[in-house]
Amino acid sequence: MVRIKPFKGIRPPQEFAAEVASRPYDVLNSAEAKAEATERSLLHIIKPEIDFDPIADEHSQEVYDKAVENFAAWRAKGWLQQDDVDHYYVYAQTMDGRTQYGLVMCCHFEDYLSGAIKKHELTRTDKEEDRMKHVRNQKANIEPVFFAYPDHADIDAIVADVISSEPEYSFVAEDGFGHAMWIVPVEYNEQITNTFATIPALYVADGHHRTAAAARVGEECKNNNPNHTGEEEYCYFLAVTFPESHLRIIDYNRVVRDLNGLSEEEFVA
């Protein structure tokens, strides 16, 4: 079983959604991010080294501080606003004419430590530390991780009902990917939470380092809190969780430039 909960999302007004949205921090380098970032882009928060001239070391303290400064500024300017009540959200991605629908939720760090949130990659300590600093400094998860869950008819029915209405956001990004989001009515909160409590495991599809970092920050906060109950905000981190039947495994190929003296047969072996 896994523990999830709804939350008060911090998100852009409709008119700014397409501009605030950005690609993930780890799919473009700093120069690409600087060239791509518009005034309101989230890249200023997740890759704040781009706000320095020349571009700063992304692991320097001034860059982590700039991320906090920018996050506060985006909220002060109204480019990011927090909902008044806890919600789940439905997020849809469309690529090559195919759409997948996932639930945006908060997951519990202890489920990662216990193995109820299952991983398939080893993680690097230096990358974990980088994401930990962002979470610690922001006291927020700026980007979600990408999980999968076993199909469940009750969740399918809720999602189908939610997406029968007009989305809160709907736009096509410059890369041609479509994005849409719906706010799940609060009357579904308890049913979603209780249904996921019967689901044996979640699976990390993408975001192993962010998940590991969130778990380490949660454990760190737990150890520093003698009155820890397990329900504190620091126990939870942001995830978008898709049913397994919506997902497609895509090639992740590498180019081998040199066989290092091996024959092709030896290399494959």
Protein backbone atom coordinates (compact mmCIF):
# COMPACT_ATOMS: atom_id res chain seq x y z
CA MET A 1 0.00 0.00 0.00
CA VAL A 2 1.12 3.57 -0.64
CA ARG A 3 0.36 6.85 1.10
CA ILE A 4 -0.64 9.81 -1.00
CA LYS A 5 -2.45 13.05 -0.34
CA PRO A 6 -3.89 16.06 -2.16
CA PHE A 7 -2.22 19.45 -1.78
CA LYS A 8 -2.60 23.17 -2.42
CA GLY A 9 -0.90 23.48 -5.79
CA ILE A 10 1.21 26.51 -6.69
CA ARG A 11 0.52 27.17 -10.36
CA PRO A 12 0.26 29.96 -12.94
CA PRO A 13 -2.92 31.83 -13.92
CA GLN A 14 -4.39 30.53 -17.17
CA GLU A 15 -3.01 33.38 -19.25
CA PHE A 16 0.58 32.63 -18.19
CA ALA A 17 0.52 28.82 -18.17
CA ALA A 18 2.15 28.25 -21.56
CA GLU A 19 4.94 30.73 -20.83
CA VAL A 20 5.66 29.54 -17.28
CA ALA A 21 5.81 25.90 -18.39
CA SER A 22 9.28 24.63 -19.25
CA ARG A 23 11.15 21.50 -20.11
CA PRO A 24 12.66 19.57 -17.15
CA TYR A 25 15.91 20.82 -15.65
CA ASP A 26 17.95 17.83 -16.81
CA VAL A 27 17.08 17.71 -20.51
CA LEU A 28 18.86 20.88 -21.57
CA ASN A 29 22.14 22.50 -20.62
CA SER A 30 22.54 25.97 -19.15
CA ALA A 31 23.20 27.70 -22.49
CA GLU A 32 20.16 26.05 -24.06
CA ALA A 33 18.05 27.02 -21.05
CA LYS A 34 19.22 30.64 -21.23
CA ALA A 35 18.32 30.83 -24.92
CA GLU A 36 14.96 29.18 -24.37
CA ALA A 37 13.78 30.99 -21.23
CA THR A 38 11.19 33.74 -21.65
CA GLU A 39 10.47 36.29 -18.93
CA ARG A 40 8.10 34.11 -16.90
CA SER A 41 9.66 30.70 -17.67
CA LEU A 42 10.10 28.27 -14.81
CA LEU A 43 13.66 27.78 -16.10
CA HIS A 44 14.62 30.85 -14.06
CA ILE A 45 13.70 28.82 -10.95
CA ILE A 46 14.91 25.33 -11.87
CA LYS A 47 18.05 26.48 -13.72
CA PRO A 48 18.74 29.89 -12.13
CA GLU A 49 22.37 29.92 -13.26
CA ILE A 50 20.99 31.38 -16.51
CA ASP A 51 20.28 34.69 -14.75
CA PHE A 52 24.00 35.38 -14.35
CA ASP A 53 26.27 36.86 -17.02
CA PRO A 54 28.33 34.90 -17.70
CA ILE A 55 26.29 31.83 -16.73
CA ALA A 56 27.23 30.83 -13.19
CA ASP A 57 28.25 27.44 -11.80
CA GLU A 58 24.92 25.66 -11.27
CA HIS A 59 26.21 24.17 -8.00
CA SER A 60 27.28 27.47 -6.43
CA GLN A 61 25.49 28.89 -3.41
CA GLU A 62 24.60 32.09 -5.27
CA VAL A 63 22.69 30.01 -7.80
CA TYR A 64 20.73 28.14 -5.11
CA ASP A 65 19.94 31.50 -3.49
CA LYS A 66 18.83 32.90 -6.85
CA ALA A 67 16.37 30.03 -7.22
CA VAL A 68 14.74 30.97 -3.91
CA GLU A 69 14.70 34.65 -4.89
CA ASN A 70 13.07 33.88 -8.25
CA PHE A 71 10.46 31.54 -6.75
CA ALA A 72 9.45 34.27 -4.30
CA ALA A 73 9.39 36.86 -7.09
CA TRP A 74 7.18 34.72 -9.34
CA ARG A 75 4.68 34.41 -6.47
CA ALA A 76 4.86 38.11 -5.60
CA LYS A 77 4.20 39.05 -9.24
CA GLY A 78 1.25 36.65 -9.47
CA TRP A 79 2.92 34.44 -12.06
CA LEU A 80 2.55 31.55 -9.59
CA GLN A 81 -0.41 31.40 -7.20
CA GLN A 82 -1.37 28.87 -4.53
CA ASP A 83 -4.77 27.21 -4.41
CA ASP A 84 -6.85 27.77 -1.28
CA VAL A 85 -7.78 24.12 -0.67
CA ASP A 86 -6.16 20.72 -1.18
CA HIS A 87 -6.72 19.11 -4.56
CA TYR A 88 -5.57 16.30 -6.72
CA TYR A 89 -5.03 17.30 -10.36
CA VAL A 90 -5.19 15.45 -13.67
CA TYR A 91 -2.33 16.15 -16.07
CA ALA A 92 -2.40 15.04 -19.71
CA GLN A 93 0.49 14.82 -22.16
CA THR A 94 -0.05 14.37 -25.90
CA MET A 95 2.74 13.19 -28.20
CA ASP A 96 2.37 11.95 -31.78
CA GLY A 97 -1.40 11.98 -31.41
CA ARG A 98 -1.33 9.80 -28.27
CA THR A 99 -2.51 11.15 -24.90
CA GLN A 100 -1.78 9.82 -21.42
CA TYR A 101 -3.60 11.00 -18.29
CA GLY A 102 -1.98 11.02 -14.85
CA LEU A 103 -2.88 12.11 -11.34
CA VAL A 104 -0.81 14.84 -9.71
CA MET A 105 -0.37 14.02 -6.02
CA CYS A 106 1.94 14.08 -3.05
CA CYS A 107 3.71 10.80 -2.21
CA HIS A 108 5.30 9.83 1.13
CA PHE A 109 9.08 9.54 1.38
CA GLU A 110 8.89 6.48 3.64
CA ASP A 111 7.28 4.52 0.82
CA TYR A 112 10.46 5.08 -1.19
CA LEU A 113 12.64 3.93 1.69
CA SER A 114 10.49 0.84 2.31
CA GLY A 115 10.38 -0.14 -1.36
CA ALA A 116 6.68 0.54 -1.89
CA ILE A 117 7.89 3.09 -4.45
CA LYS A 118 10.09 0.95 -6.68
CA LYS A 119 13.09 2.15 -8.67
CA HIS A 120 15.03 0.67 -11.58
CA GLU A 121 18.12 2.90 -11.65
CA LEU A 122 21.06 3.51 -9.38
CA THR A 123 21.49 7.17 -8.41
CA ARG A 124 24.57 9.35 -8.05
CA THR A 125 25.21 11.07 -4.74
CA ASP A 126 26.34 14.34 -6.34
CA LYS A 127 23.10 14.66 -8.32
CA GLU A 128 21.04 13.79 -5.23
CA GLU A 129 22.85 16.49 -3.26
CA ASP A 130 22.10 19.09 -5.94
CA ARG A 131 18.36 18.39 -5.88
CA MET A 132 18.39 18.18 -2.06
CA LYS A 133 19.73 21.73 -1.86
CA HIS A 134 16.93 22.98 -4.08
CA VAL A 135 14.27 21.23 -1.98
CA ARG A 136 15.82 22.37 1.30
CA ASN A 137 16.17 25.98 0.19
CA GLN A 138 12.79 26.27 -1.50
CA LYS A 139 10.89 24.17 1.04
CA ALA A 140 8.97 23.09 -2.05
CA ASN A 141 9.09 20.65 -4.93
CA ILE A 142 9.26 22.74 -8.09
CA GLU A 143 9.15 19.80 -10.53
CA PRO A 144 7.21 16.55 -10.17
CA VAL A 145 8.65 13.09 -10.57
CA PHE A 146 7.03 10.65 -13.00
CA PHE A 147 5.54 7.47 -11.49
CA ALA A 148 3.43 4.60 -12.81
CA TYR A 149 0.77 2.59 -10.97
CA PRO A 150 -1.16 -0.61 -11.76
CA ASP A 151 -4.42 0.10 -13.57
CA HIS A 152 -7.41 0.54 -11.26
CA ALA A 153 -11.01 0.82 -12.50
CA ASP A 154 -12.10 3.19 -9.71
CA ILE A 155 -9.33 5.69 -10.51
CA ASP A 156 -10.06 5.35 -14.24
CA ALA A 157 -13.69 6.27 -13.59
CA ILE A 158 -12.75 9.36 -11.58
CA VAL A 159 -10.28 10.56 -14.20
CA ALA A 160 -12.82 9.98 -16.98
CA ASP A 161 -15.37 12.09 -15.10
CA VAL A 162 -12.89 14.89 -14.43
CA ILE A 163 -11.66 15.17 -18.03
CA SER A 164 -15.24 15.30 -19.35
CA SER A 165 -15.18 19.00 -18.39
CA GLU A 166 -13.05 21.78 -19.86
CA PRO A 167 -9.42 21.74 -18.68
CA GLU A 168 -7.93 24.50 -16.54
CA TYR A 169 -4.98 24.63 -18.97
CA SER A 170 -4.56 23.39 -22.51
CA PHE A 171 -1.74 24.34 -24.86
CA VAL A 172 0.80 22.94 -27.30
CA ALA A 173 4.42 23.70 -26.46
CA GLU A 174 7.01 24.71 -29.05
CA ASP A 175 8.28 21.13 -29.25
CA GLY A 176 4.83 20.02 -30.43
CA PHE A 177 3.84 18.26 -27.19
CA GLY A 178 0.35 18.97 -25.91
CA HIS A 179 -0.30 19.71 -22.24
CA ALA A 180 -3.59 19.94 -20.34
CA MET A 181 -4.55 20.01 -16.67
CA TRP A 182 -7.79 19.64 -14.73
CA ILE A 183 -8.48 20.38 -11.05
CA VAL A 184 -10.07 17.35 -9.41
CA PRO A 185 -13.15 18.34 -7.33
CA VAL A 186 -12.48 18.00 -3.59
CA GLU A 187 -15.30 15.49 -3.17
CA TYR A 188 -13.03 12.92 -4.84
CA ASN A 189 -10.10 13.50 -2.44
CA GLU A 190 -10.96 10.84 0.11
CA GLN A 191 -11.82 8.20 -2.49
CA ILE A 192 -8.54 8.72 -4.36
CA THR A 193 -6.48 8.64 -1.15
CA ASN A 194 -8.21 5.48 0.10
CA THR A 195 -7.99 3.72 -3.26
CA PHE A 196 -4.25 4.28 -3.52
CA ALA A 197 -3.90 2.89 0.01
CA THR A 198 -4.90 -0.47 -1.54
CA ILE A 199 -2.39 -0.24 -4.40
CA PRO A 200 0.70 -2.30 -3.48
CA ALA A 201 3.38 -0.22 -5.21
CA LEU A 202 4.25 2.76 -7.37
CA TYR A 203 7.06 2.64 -9.92
CA VAL A 204 9.56 5.38 -10.75
CA ALA A 205 9.40 5.95 -14.50
CA ASP A 206 11.55 9.08 -14.50
CA GLY A 207 13.01 11.24 -11.75
CA HIS A 208 15.11 8.81 -9.74
CA HIS A 209 17.43 11.54 -8.43
CA ARG A 210 14.58 13.89 -7.48
CA THR A 211 12.81 11.02 -5.71
CA ALA A 212 15.96 10.00 -3.84
CA ALA A 213 16.63 13.63 -2.92
CA ALA A 214 13.09 14.12 -1.62
CA ALA A 215 13.40 10.96 0.47
CA ARG A 216 16.73 12.07 1.92
CA VAL A 217 15.34 15.52 2.80
CA GLY A 218 12.31 13.89 4.42
CA GLU A 219 14.49 11.60 6.49
CA GLU A 220 16.74 14.53 7.42
CA CYS A 221 13.76 16.58 8.63
CA LYS A 222 12.37 13.58 10.50
CA ASN A 223 15.65 13.09 12.36
CA ASN A 224 15.70 16.79 13.29
CA ASN A 225 12.14 16.75 14.65
CA PRO A 226 11.73 14.99 18.01
CA ASN A 227 7.94 15.31 17.66
CA HIS A 228 7.79 13.76 14.19
CA THR A 229 4.41 12.17 13.41
CA GLY A 230 4.79 11.16 9.76
CA GLU A 231 2.17 13.61 8.53
CA GLU A 232 4.35 16.72 8.29
CA GLU A 233 4.60 18.52 4.94
CA TYR A 234 8.25 17.51 4.60
CA CYS A 235 7.17 13.86 4.46
CA TYR A 236 5.59 14.34 1.05
CA PHE A 237 6.91 15.16 -2.42
CA LEU A 238 5.33 15.99 -5.78
CA ALA A 239 4.60 13.28 -8.35
CA VAL A 240 2.56 12.76 -11.50
CA THR A 241 1.40 9.15 -11.52
CA PHE A 242 0.14 7.45 -14.68
CA PRO A 243 -1.69 4.12 -15.04
CA GLU A 244 0.46 1.44 -16.62
CA SER A 245 -1.80 1.00 -19.65
CA HIS A 246 -1.27 4.65 -20.66
CA LEU A 247 2.49 4.36 -20.84
CA ARG A 248 4.75 3.53 -23.75
CA ILE A 249 8.37 2.50 -23.40
CA ILE A 250 10.49 4.57 -25.78
CA ASP A 251 13.99 3.72 -27.01
CA TYR A 252 16.81 5.33 -25.05
CA ASN A 253 19.75 4.70 -27.36
CA ARG A 254 23.45 5.41 -27.02
CA VAL A 255 26.10 5.81 -29.72
CA VAL A 256 29.27 3.77 -29.16
CA ARG A 257 32.24 5.56 -30.74
CA ASP A 258 35.05 3.14 -29.85
CA LEU A 259 35.10 -0.58 -29.03
CA ASN A 260 38.32 -0.13 -27.00
CA GLY A 261 40.14 -2.87 -28.88
CA LEU A 262 37.31 -5.42 -28.60
CA SER A 263 35.63 -7.23 -31.45
CA GLU A 264 31.93 -6.59 -31.86
CA GLU A 265 31.19 -10.03 -30.38
CA GLU A 266 33.43 -9.36 -27.36
CA PHE A 267 31.82 -5.95 -26.83
CA VAL A 268 28.29 -7.37 -26.85
CA ALA A 269 29.34 -10.15 -24.49
